[in-house]
Amino acid sequence: HVRQLYALVSETLRYSPVLEKLLASAALLQAEKKLPLHLAKVLVYDLLFGKGLKCGGRWKALARRHRARLEAELARLKVQQKVSCNEDLLAPAQAASPGASQVPRYVRVNTLKTCVDDVIDFFKRQGYSYLGKAASVEELRALSGKKFLSDLHLPELLVFPPQTDFHDNLLYTSGHIILQDKASCLPAFLLGPAAGSHVIDACAAPGNKTSHLAAILKNKGQIFAFDVDTKRLATMNTMLMRAGVTGFQVAQQDFLTVDPGDPQYSKVTYILLDPSCSGSGNARGSGCPTWSHLWARGAGVTAALPVGMVNRLPREEAAPSAERLQALAGFQRKVLSHALSFPALRRLVYSTCSLHREENEDVVHAVLQERGSAFRLVNAFPSWPCRGLAAFPGAECCLRASPADTLTHGFFVAVLERCGEGAAAPSSLPMAAEKNRQHGEGTEPGAAPKKRKRKKQWVT
């Protein structure tokens, strides 16, 4: 399980100085000369501080042969340092959990299966205290204990204190809620396709944004989802089925090879494009190590793990070189230009989890210049506090997100609309929000919706 592997590698890195002392005092590497140092750290961490080596094959048996000696050395180390618990062995900088982030736990209610009111009631019965709708980011920052709020911008998003874990919660395992960072919810929300539309999710796996699109479409319409990674697509299929998504086609295909002139895409009017990027928005500022962090800091640890546990790790760079950034930006310009070539396209959202201007404003500017007056940049979500960098006139129409300013991971979003005859009327609102405005349900994305009729399909 990727989440468990992430936790194991993360905690092994955090306890690395302690593990080195234990390995030295127990002379484990001298006794087992074929055992690599980094794998030894993973094994000893899981044996002494983790879940007791539930997997690992021959390496598990090897580590267990030394268990008594290792436990004795751990006890000796605690006596020497005059501490009683494992956490106290860490230096102050290490003791702060690597996930002790400023970023809250965001929970998107899956409206294909339930409604916000019922999910709130469910959590209240589980002992959580609901504080209503947040009025500011500071209210989100102050959350603690078993308290939660409705988000101030996205009506189907609930906000809990950092590190709240719902992976074993019934609502998560049944697909009634999706654990998704707030910034990651912006692309589908701002695309806002009307029910019945044909939509492309160009780089779709692992599927959170795809399921969000389906919820906005109310499962009415068609989603074409593309990705090149077989295993990520398999995970995505499982996730979409659990979320109750219908009316979608998943293809293992590079989006750049998709023919815009193919008749099956002749009705595609919306495209969500979230291409491969440096991942720098996930790797900085949140206080929580991401796969990019772990790959950069602990390549030896991950390389020492069994092959089947490693091949799903994404290998983005935490601090890409200038050459790497230029290569990424070149790919992003190419894929954005390709997406804009679909003949019926009316609205497109381009997003990345990167902080780099080269992958964000510069890409959008270059493609808009290339396309002339065919597309324009929409001033999306005017109340959002963080705007695009002043890289070109109008860049402030773009959105940025960061742990410090928006209490999310780092993110960038740009909304493009086709100009000219037959195009959608100019608007800063996604289509779904525009319809809500016409029915008196708010004046921009994030306005309070009418209270829905409650559905009681799963509450016990």
Protein backbone atom coordinates (compact mmCIF):
# COMPACT_ATOMS: atom_id res chain seq x y z
CA HIS A 1 0.00 0.00 0.00
CA VAL A 2 1.56 3.28 -1.11
CA ARG A 3 0.39 5.24 1.94
CA GLN A 4 1.93 2.72 4.32
CA LEU A 5 5.16 2.67 2.33
CA TYR A 6 5.27 6.46 2.46
CA ALA A 7 4.86 6.41 6.25
CA LEU A 8 7.53 3.72 6.66
CA VAL A 9 10.13 5.59 4.59
CA SER A 10 9.26 8.93 6.19
CA GLU A 11 9.58 7.63 9.74
CA THR A 12 12.75 5.72 8.92
CA LEU A 13 14.34 8.96 7.75
CA ARG A 14 13.17 10.76 10.87
CA TYR A 15 14.65 8.11 13.18
CA SER A 16 17.81 7.70 11.10
CA PRO A 17 20.30 8.98 13.78
CA VAL A 18 18.76 6.70 16.42
CA LEU A 19 18.78 3.73 14.04
CA GLU A 20 22.46 4.28 13.23
CA LYS A 21 23.32 4.13 16.94
CA LEU A 22 21.34 0.92 17.39
CA LEU A 23 22.92 -0.72 14.34
CA ALA A 24 26.39 0.18 15.59
CA SER A 25 25.85 -0.97 19.16
CA ALA A 26 24.20 -4.23 18.06
CA ALA A 27 26.92 -4.78 15.39
CA LEU A 28 24.17 -5.86 13.00
CA LEU A 29 25.98 -4.88 9.80
CA GLN A 30 29.11 -6.73 10.91
CA ALA A 31 27.07 -9.86 11.51
CA GLU A 32 25.07 -9.54 8.28
CA LYS A 33 27.59 -8.34 5.71
CA LYS A 34 25.18 -8.58 2.76
CA LEU A 35 22.59 -6.35 4.41
CA PRO A 36 22.69 -2.78 2.96
CA LEU A 37 22.70 0.05 5.50
CA HIS A 38 19.53 1.72 4.21
CA LEU A 39 17.55 -1.51 4.14
CA ALA A 40 18.83 -2.29 7.65
CA LYS A 41 17.40 1.03 8.84
CA VAL A 42 13.99 0.28 7.33
CA LEU A 43 13.91 -3.21 8.85
CA VAL A 44 15.03 -2.12 12.32
CA TYR A 45 12.63 0.83 12.35
CA ASP A 46 9.67 -1.40 11.50
CA LEU A 47 10.81 -4.08 13.95
CA LEU A 48 11.28 -1.77 16.95
CA PHE A 49 9.12 1.30 16.29
CA GLY A 50 6.67 0.25 13.60
CA LYS A 51 4.27 -2.64 13.10
CA GLY A 52 6.67 -5.48 13.69
CA LEU A 53 7.70 -6.45 10.15
CA LYS A 54 4.49 -7.81 8.66
CA CYS A 55 6.22 -8.32 5.33
CA GLY A 56 9.76 -8.51 3.97
CA GLY A 57 10.46 -12.15 3.10
CA ARG A 58 13.97 -13.33 3.89
CA TRP A 59 14.96 -9.90 5.21
CA LYS A 60 12.22 -10.14 7.82
CA ALA A 61 13.59 -13.46 9.06
CA LEU A 62 17.10 -12.00 9.17
CA ALA A 63 16.03 -9.00 11.25
CA ARG A 64 14.01 -11.13 13.66
CA ARG A 65 17.08 -13.25 14.41
CA HIS A 66 18.62 -10.13 15.95
CA ARG A 67 15.48 -8.88 17.68
CA ALA A 68 16.53 -9.61 21.26
CA ARG A 69 19.88 -7.86 20.83
CA LEU A 70 18.30 -4.84 19.16
CA GLU A 71 15.64 -4.51 21.87
CA ALA A 72 18.34 -4.70 24.52
CA GLU A 73 20.34 -1.95 22.80
CA LEU A 74 17.22 0.21 22.52
CA ALA A 75 16.57 -0.18 26.25
CA ARG A 76 20.22 0.65 26.99
CA LEU A 77 20.03 3.79 24.82
CA LYS A 78 16.93 5.00 26.67
CA VAL A 79 18.70 4.55 30.02
CA GLN A 80 21.74 6.44 28.76
CA GLN A 81 19.65 9.36 27.54
CA LYS A 82 17.33 9.22 30.60
CA VAL A 83 14.13 8.96 28.56
CA SER A 84 11.19 6.60 28.76
CA CYS A 85 9.60 6.74 25.29
CA ASN A 86 10.95 6.33 21.78
CA GLU A 87 10.00 9.85 20.66
CA ASP A 88 12.20 11.35 23.36
CA LEU A 89 15.25 9.81 21.71
CA LEU A 90 14.90 12.27 18.86
CA ALA A 91 16.50 15.69 18.77
CA PRO A 92 13.95 18.56 18.99
CA ALA A 93 14.07 19.23 15.23
CA GLN A 94 13.41 15.56 14.49
CA ALA A 95 10.79 15.13 17.16
CA ALA A 96 8.37 17.39 15.33
CA SER A 97 6.50 14.88 13.23
CA PRO A 98 7.36 15.23 9.55
CA GLY A 99 3.66 15.54 8.89
CA ALA A 100 3.21 18.29 11.49
CA SER A 101 2.14 20.65 8.76
CA GLN A 102 0.20 23.88 8.73
CA VAL A 103 -1.98 22.38 6.00
CA PRO A 104 -5.32 21.06 7.33
CA ARG A 105 -6.94 17.80 6.35
CA TYR A 106 -9.38 18.57 3.55
CA VAL A 107 -12.30 16.23 2.90
CA ARG A 108 -14.31 16.56 -0.31
CA VAL A 109 -17.84 15.26 -0.02
CA ASN A 110 -18.61 12.96 -2.95
CA THR A 111 -22.02 14.26 -4.04
CA LEU A 112 -22.50 11.26 -6.32
CA LYS A 113 -23.16 9.20 -3.21
CA THR A 114 -24.26 11.56 -0.46
CA CYS A 115 -24.63 15.23 0.50
CA VAL A 116 -22.74 17.62 2.76
CA ASP A 117 -25.40 17.71 5.49
CA ASP A 118 -25.41 13.94 5.90
CA VAL A 119 -21.61 13.76 6.09
CA ILE A 120 -21.58 16.51 8.73
CA ASP A 121 -24.17 14.56 10.75
CA PHE A 122 -22.11 11.38 10.43
CA PHE A 123 -18.97 13.04 11.79
CA LYS A 124 -20.93 14.64 14.62
CA ARG A 125 -22.12 11.18 15.66
CA GLN A 126 -18.48 10.08 15.64
CA GLY A 127 -17.70 12.71 18.27
CA TYR A 128 -16.53 15.58 16.06
CA SER A 129 -17.71 19.12 16.77
CA TYR A 130 -18.96 21.08 13.77
CA LEU A 131 -18.18 24.81 13.94
CA GLY A 132 -20.10 25.92 10.84
CA LYS A 133 -18.70 27.66 7.75
CA ALA A 134 -15.27 29.24 8.10
CA ALA A 135 -15.14 33.01 7.68
CA SER A 136 -11.38 33.23 7.12
CA VAL A 137 -8.22 31.23 6.54
CA GLU A 138 -7.25 32.04 10.13
CA GLU A 139 -10.22 30.03 11.40
CA LEU A 140 -8.95 27.04 9.42
CA ARG A 141 -5.47 27.58 10.85
CA ALA A 142 -6.84 27.52 14.41
CA LEU A 143 -8.58 24.11 14.09
CA SER A 144 -7.55 21.53 16.66
CA GLY A 145 -8.76 18.36 18.32
CA LYS A 146 -11.99 16.90 16.95
CA LYS A 147 -13.36 20.12 15.48
CA PHE A 148 -14.14 20.80 11.83
CA LEU A 149 -15.49 23.50 9.56
CA SER A 150 -17.02 23.93 6.12
CA ASP A 151 -14.52 25.58 3.79
CA LEU A 152 -14.96 29.29 3.07
CA HIS A 153 -14.44 28.89 -0.69
CA LEU A 154 -15.57 25.43 -1.82
CA PRO A 155 -19.03 24.41 -0.59
CA GLU A 156 -18.47 20.64 -0.73
CA LEU A 157 -15.19 20.73 1.21
CA LEU A 158 -14.91 20.03 4.95
CA VAL A 159 -11.81 21.02 6.88
CA PHE A 160 -10.26 19.14 9.82
CA PRO A 161 -7.06 19.70 11.84
CA PRO A 162 -3.77 18.61 10.25
CA GLN A 163 -2.94 14.90 10.53
CA THR A 164 -6.55 13.82 11.05
CA ASP A 165 -6.58 10.35 9.50
CA PHE A 166 -9.67 9.07 7.71
CA HIS A 167 -8.11 6.28 5.64
CA ASP A 168 -9.89 3.65 7.73
CA ASN A 169 -13.11 5.64 8.11
CA LEU A 170 -16.27 4.06 6.68
CA LEU A 171 -17.03 7.14 4.59
CA TYR A 172 -13.63 6.97 2.91
CA THR A 173 -13.57 3.22 2.30
CA SER A 174 -17.10 3.37 0.83
CA GLY A 175 -16.30 6.32 -1.45
CA HIS A 176 -18.60 8.84 0.22
CA ILE A 177 -15.69 11.20 0.90
CA ILE A 178 -12.49 11.90 -1.05
CA LEU A 179 -9.29 12.97 0.74
CA GLN A 180 -8.05 15.74 -1.53
CA ASP A 181 -6.09 18.91 -0.89
CA LYS A 182 -8.12 22.08 -1.38
CA ALA A 183 -5.85 23.42 -4.12
CA SER A 184 -6.24 20.16 -6.02
CA CYS A 185 -10.02 20.71 -5.99
CA LEU A 186 -9.72 24.04 -7.81
CA PRO A 187 -9.19 22.75 -11.39
CA ALA A 188 -12.42 20.76 -11.68
CA PHE A 189 -14.34 23.40 -9.72
CA LEU A 190 -13.17 26.20 -11.99
CA LEU A 191 -13.69 24.17 -15.15
CA GLY A 192 -17.28 23.68 -13.98
CA PRO A 193 -18.67 21.69 -16.94
CA ALA A 194 -22.44 21.68 -17.30
CA ALA A 195 -24.23 18.36 -16.84
CA GLY A 196 -24.30 16.42 -20.11
CA SER A 197 -21.00 17.85 -21.38
CA HIS A 198 -18.17 15.87 -22.94
CA VAL A 199 -14.94 16.44 -20.98
CA ILE A 200 -11.32 15.34 -21.38
CA ASP A 201 -9.12 14.77 -18.33
CA ALA A 202 -5.82 14.76 -20.17
CA CYS A 203 -3.41 13.46 -17.49
CA ALA A 204 -5.93 11.81 -15.24
CA ALA A 205 -4.40 9.30 -12.81
CA PRO A 206 -4.79 8.78 -9.90
CA GLY A 207 -8.32 10.07 -10.47
CA ASN A 208 -9.30 12.55 -7.73
CA LYS A 209 -9.92 15.33 -10.24
CA THR A 210 -11.74 12.90 -12.55
CA SER A 211 -14.13 11.89 -9.78
CA HIS A 212 -14.63 15.58 -8.96
CA LEU A 213 -15.54 16.27 -12.60
CA ALA A 214 -18.04 13.41 -12.51
CA ALA A 215 -19.65 14.86 -9.39
CA ILE A 216 -19.95 18.29 -11.05
CA LEU A 217 -21.45 16.61 -14.14
CA LYS A 218 -23.77 14.61 -11.84
CA ASN A 219 -22.72 11.54 -13.86
CA LYS A 220 -24.47 13.05 -16.89
CA GLY A 221 -22.20 13.36 -19.88
CA GLN A 222 -18.94 11.72 -20.88
CA ILE A 223 -15.42 11.89 -19.45
CA PHE A 224 -12.43 10.75 -21.51
CA ALA A 225 -9.52 10.10 -19.14
CA PHE A 226 -5.96 9.55 -20.38
CA ASP A 227 -2.76 8.48 -18.67
CA VAL A 228 0.30 6.49 -19.72
CA ASP A 229 0.96 4.58 -16.47
CA THR A 230 -0.70 1.15 -16.35
CA LYS A 231 -0.62 0.75 -12.57
CA ARG A 232 -1.85 4.28 -11.90
CA LEU A 233 -4.73 3.69 -14.30
CA ALA A 234 -5.65 0.44 -12.55
CA THR A 235 -5.70 2.30 -9.22
CA MET A 236 -7.76 5.01 -10.86
CA ASN A 237 -10.34 2.56 -12.18
CA THR A 238 -10.79 1.12 -8.70
CA MET A 239 -11.10 4.57 -7.18
CA LEU A 240 -13.66 5.77 -9.72
CA MET A 241 -15.81 2.69 -9.29
CA ARG A 242 -15.70 3.10 -5.50
CA ALA A 243 -16.75 6.73 -5.94
CA GLY A 244 -19.75 5.70 -8.04
CA VAL A 245 -18.50 7.34 -11.24
CA THR A 246 -20.21 6.29 -14.49
CA GLY A 247 -19.97 7.61 -18.03
CA PHE A 248 -16.21 7.59 -18.31
CA GLN A 249 -13.66 5.99 -20.64
CA VAL A 250 -10.13 5.37 -19.42
CA ALA A 251 -7.36 4.97 -21.99
CA GLN A 252 -3.71 4.08 -21.47
CA GLN A 253 -2.50 6.61 -24.00
CA ASP A 254 -0.21 9.61 -24.17
CA PHE A 255 -2.56 12.58 -24.57
CA LEU A 256 -0.21 14.06 -27.17
CA THR A 257 -1.04 11.11 -29.45
CA VAL A 258 -4.80 11.67 -29.19
CA ASP A 259 -6.19 12.97 -32.48
CA PRO A 260 -8.32 16.11 -31.96
CA GLY A 261 -10.05 15.33 -35.26
CA ASP A 262 -11.28 11.91 -34.08
CA PRO A 263 -15.11 11.96 -34.30
CA GLN A 264 -15.50 10.57 -30.79
CA TYR A 265 -14.04 13.82 -29.43
CA SER A 266 -16.09 16.10 -31.66
CA LYS A 267 -18.33 17.12 -28.75
CA VAL A 268 -15.54 17.74 -26.21
CA THR A 269 -16.12 21.27 -24.94
CA TYR A 270 -14.11 21.13 -21.70
CA ILE A 271 -10.57 19.96 -20.98
CA LEU A 272 -8.79 19.64 -17.65
CA LEU A 273 -5.03 19.60 -18.17
CA ASP A 274 -2.84 18.85 -15.14
CA PRO A 275 0.41 17.69 -16.78
CA SER A 276 3.57 16.25 -15.31
CA CYS A 277 5.55 18.92 -13.47
CA SER A 278 8.40 19.36 -11.01
CA GLY A 279 6.08 18.86 -8.03
CA SER A 280 7.78 21.74 -6.23
CA GLY A 281 4.49 22.89 -4.71
CA ASN A 282 4.26 19.60 -2.82
CA ALA A 283 7.89 19.62 -1.78
CA ARG A 284 8.15 22.99 -0.10
CA GLY A 285 6.64 24.96 2.69
CA SER A 286 4.08 22.53 4.01
CA GLY A 287 6.37 20.85 6.50
CA CYS A 288 5.28 17.48 5.20
CA PRO A 289 7.74 15.39 3.19
CA THR A 290 6.31 14.29 -0.11
CA TRP A 291 7.46 11.53 -2.45
CA SER A 292 9.68 14.12 -4.13
CA HIS A 293 11.27 14.95 -0.79
CA LEU A 294 11.74 11.34 0.15
CA TRP A 295 13.16 10.45 -3.22
CA ALA A 296 15.71 13.27 -2.98
CA ARG A 297 16.59 12.81 0.69
CA GLY A 298 16.29 9.06 0.96
CA ALA A 299 17.12 7.58 -2.39
CA GLY A 300 19.20 4.95 -0.65
CA VAL A 301 16.28 3.92 1.53
CA THR A 302 13.87 3.54 -1.38
CA ALA A 303 16.49 1.88 -3.56
CA ALA A 304 17.08 -0.73 -0.86
CA LEU A 305 13.41 -1.68 -0.62
CA PRO A 306 12.10 -4.74 -2.47
CA VAL A 307 11.42 -3.99 -6.14
CA GLY A 308 7.67 -4.42 -5.86
CA MET A 309 7.55 -1.76 -3.17
CA VAL A 310 9.46 0.81 -5.20
CA ASN A 311 8.13 0.76 -8.72
CA ARG A 312 5.12 2.93 -7.88
CA LEU A 313 7.16 5.80 -6.46
CA PRO A 314 6.97 8.94 -8.59
CA ARG A 315 10.41 10.27 -9.35
CA GLU A 316 9.94 14.03 -9.63
CA GLU A 317 12.85 16.15 -8.52
CA ALA A 318 12.48 18.20 -5.32
CA ALA A 319 14.77 20.95 -6.72
CA PRO A 320 14.95 20.58 -10.50
CA SER A 321 17.87 22.01 -12.45
CA ALA A 322 17.39 24.81 -14.95
CA GLU A 323 17.71 22.24 -17.74
CA ARG A 324 15.07 20.03 -16.17
CA LEU A 325 12.71 22.99 -15.76
CA GLN A 326 13.15 23.97 -19.40
CA ALA A 327 12.46 20.40 -20.51
CA LEU A 328 9.30 20.26 -18.39
CA ALA A 329 8.15 23.66 -19.63
CA GLY A 330 8.71 22.58 -23.23
CA PHE A 331 6.54 19.52 -22.69
CA GLN A 332 3.87 21.57 -20.90
CA ARG A 333 3.71 24.14 -23.71
CA LYS A 334 3.37 21.34 -26.24
CA VAL A 335 0.57 19.54 -24.39
CA LEU A 336 -1.33 22.78 -23.66
CA SER A 337 -1.15 23.81 -27.32
CA HIS A 338 -2.33 20.32 -28.30
CA ALA A 339 -5.30 20.55 -25.92
CA LEU A 340 -6.36 23.89 -27.41
CA SER A 341 -6.53 22.28 -30.87
CA PHE A 342 -9.71 20.29 -30.11
CA PRO A 343 -12.26 21.88 -32.44
CA ALA A 344 -15.28 22.13 -30.11
CA LEU A 345 -13.31 23.20 -27.03
CA ARG A 346 -14.87 26.11 -25.16
CA ARG A 347 -13.09 26.14 -21.80
CA LEU A 348 -9.83 24.68 -20.50
CA VAL A 349 -8.15 24.63 -17.09
CA TYR A 350 -4.36 24.31 -16.95
CA SER A 351 -2.93 23.46 -13.54
CA THR A 352 0.29 22.29 -11.93
CA CYS A 353 1.53 21.54 -8.43
CA SER A 354 4.63 23.59 -9.23
CA LEU A 355 5.81 26.90 -7.83
CA HIS A 356 8.07 27.70 -10.76
CA ARG A 357 7.12 30.53 -13.11
CA GLU A 358 8.70 28.58 -15.98
CA GLU A 359 6.03 25.86 -15.66
CA ASN A 360 3.14 28.22 -14.95
CA GLU A 361 2.78 31.81 -16.16
CA ASP A 362 5.49 31.42 -18.79
CA VAL A 363 3.79 28.36 -20.29
CA VAL A 364 0.38 30.05 -20.42
CA HIS A 365 1.82 33.25 -21.90
CA ALA A 366 3.78 31.42 -24.60
CA VAL A 367 0.79 29.35 -25.72
CA LEU A 368 -1.59 32.32 -25.71
CA GLN A 369 0.85 34.23 -27.92
CA GLU A 370 1.12 31.23 -30.21
CA ARG A 371 -2.67 30.97 -30.48
CA GLY A 372 -3.19 34.66 -31.19
CA SER A 373 -6.73 35.82 -30.41
CA ALA A 374 -8.34 32.36 -30.46
CA PHE A 375 -8.31 31.98 -26.66
CA ARG A 376 -8.31 34.37 -23.75
CA LEU A 377 -7.31 34.11 -20.11
CA VAL A 378 -10.29 34.25 -17.75
CA ASN A 379 -10.15 36.24 -14.52
CA ALA A 380 -11.14 33.19 -12.51
CA PHE A 381 -12.36 33.25 -8.91
CA PRO A 382 -11.80 36.98 -8.21
CA SER A 383 -12.06 36.55 -4.43
CA TRP A 384 -9.14 34.08 -4.33
CA PRO A 385 -6.33 35.90 -2.47
CA CYS A 386 -3.23 34.70 -4.37
CA ARG A 387 -2.86 35.66 -8.01
CA GLY A 388 -0.39 34.89 -10.78
CA LEU A 389 3.06 36.43 -10.86
CA ALA A 390 3.39 39.61 -12.94
CA ALA A 391 5.08 37.77 -15.81
CA PHE A 392 2.90 39.38 -18.52
CA PRO A 393 -0.11 41.73 -18.70
CA GLY A 394 -3.14 39.86 -17.39
CA ALA A 395 -1.19 37.22 -15.45
CA GLU A 396 -3.09 38.28 -12.35
CA CYS A 397 -6.05 36.39 -13.83
CA CYS A 398 -4.23 33.17 -12.87
CA LEU A 399 -4.47 31.65 -9.39
CA ARG A 400 -1.69 30.52 -7.08
CA ALA A 401 -1.88 28.65 -3.80
CA SER A 402 0.64 28.09 -1.01
CA PRO A 403 0.79 26.77 2.57
CA ALA A 404 1.48 30.24 3.96
CA ASP A 405 -1.25 32.16 2.12
CA THR A 406 -4.04 29.68 1.41
CA LEU A 407 -3.27 26.78 3.79
CA THR A 408 -2.90 24.37 0.89
CA HIS A 409 -0.09 22.77 -1.02
CA GLY A 410 1.57 24.94 -3.65
CA PHE A 411 -0.51 25.07 -6.82
CA PHE A 412 -1.14 27.07 -10.00
CA VAL A 413 -4.35 27.34 -12.05
CA ALA A 414 -5.17 29.17 -15.27
CA VAL A 415 -8.57 29.18 -16.98
CA LEU A 416 -8.71 29.71 -20.76
CA GLU A 417 -11.80 30.28 -22.90
CA ARG A 418 -12.28 30.34 -26.65
CA CYS A 419 -13.04 33.74 -28.14
CA GLY A 420 -15.21 34.57 -31.13
CA GLU A 421 -18.47 33.36 -32.59
CA GLY A 422 -20.10 30.35 -31.03
CA ALA A 423 -17.87 30.54 -27.97
CA ALA A 424 -19.15 30.60 -24.46
CA ALA A 425 -20.15 34.07 -23.27
CA PRO A 426 -17.25 35.74 -21.44
CA SER A 427 -17.48 35.02 -17.74
CA SER A 428 -15.20 34.54 -14.77
CA LEU A 429 -17.46 31.75 -13.57
CA PRO A 430 -17.43 28.06 -14.47
CA MET A 431 -20.57 26.96 -16.30
CA ALA A 432 -22.09 25.20 -13.28
CA ALA A 433 -21.58 28.27 -11.10
CA GLU A 434 -23.02 30.52 -13.84
CA LYS A 435 -26.21 28.45 -13.82
CA ASN A 436 -26.38 28.70 -10.04
CA ARG A 437 -26.06 32.50 -10.28
CA GLN A 438 -28.99 32.63 -12.67
CA HIS A 439 -31.02 30.75 -10.09
CA GLY A 440 -29.98 33.07 -7.27
CA GLU A 441 -27.44 30.72 -5.73
CA GLY A 442 -24.50 33.10 -5.35
CA THR A 443 -22.47 35.48 -7.43
CA GLU A 444 -19.18 33.59 -7.80
CA PRO A 445 -17.60 30.22 -7.12
CA GLY A 446 -17.77 29.44 -3.45
CA ALA A 447 -21.01 31.31 -2.78
CA ALA A 448 -23.30 29.52 -0.36
CA PRO A 449 -25.56 27.06 -2.19
CA LYS A 450 -29.17 26.38 -1.41
CA LYS A 451 -29.63 23.71 1.21
CA ARG A 452 -30.16 20.40 -0.50
CA LYS A 453 -32.74 17.84 0.18
CA ARG A 454 -31.08 15.35 2.51
CA LYS A 455 -30.42 11.82 1.29
CA LYS A 456 -30.33 9.01 3.81
CA GLN A 457 -28.91 6.17 1.80
CA TRP A 458 -26.11 5.08 4.11
CA VAL A 459 -26.60 6.56 7.58
CA THR A 460 -27.06 3.93 10.29
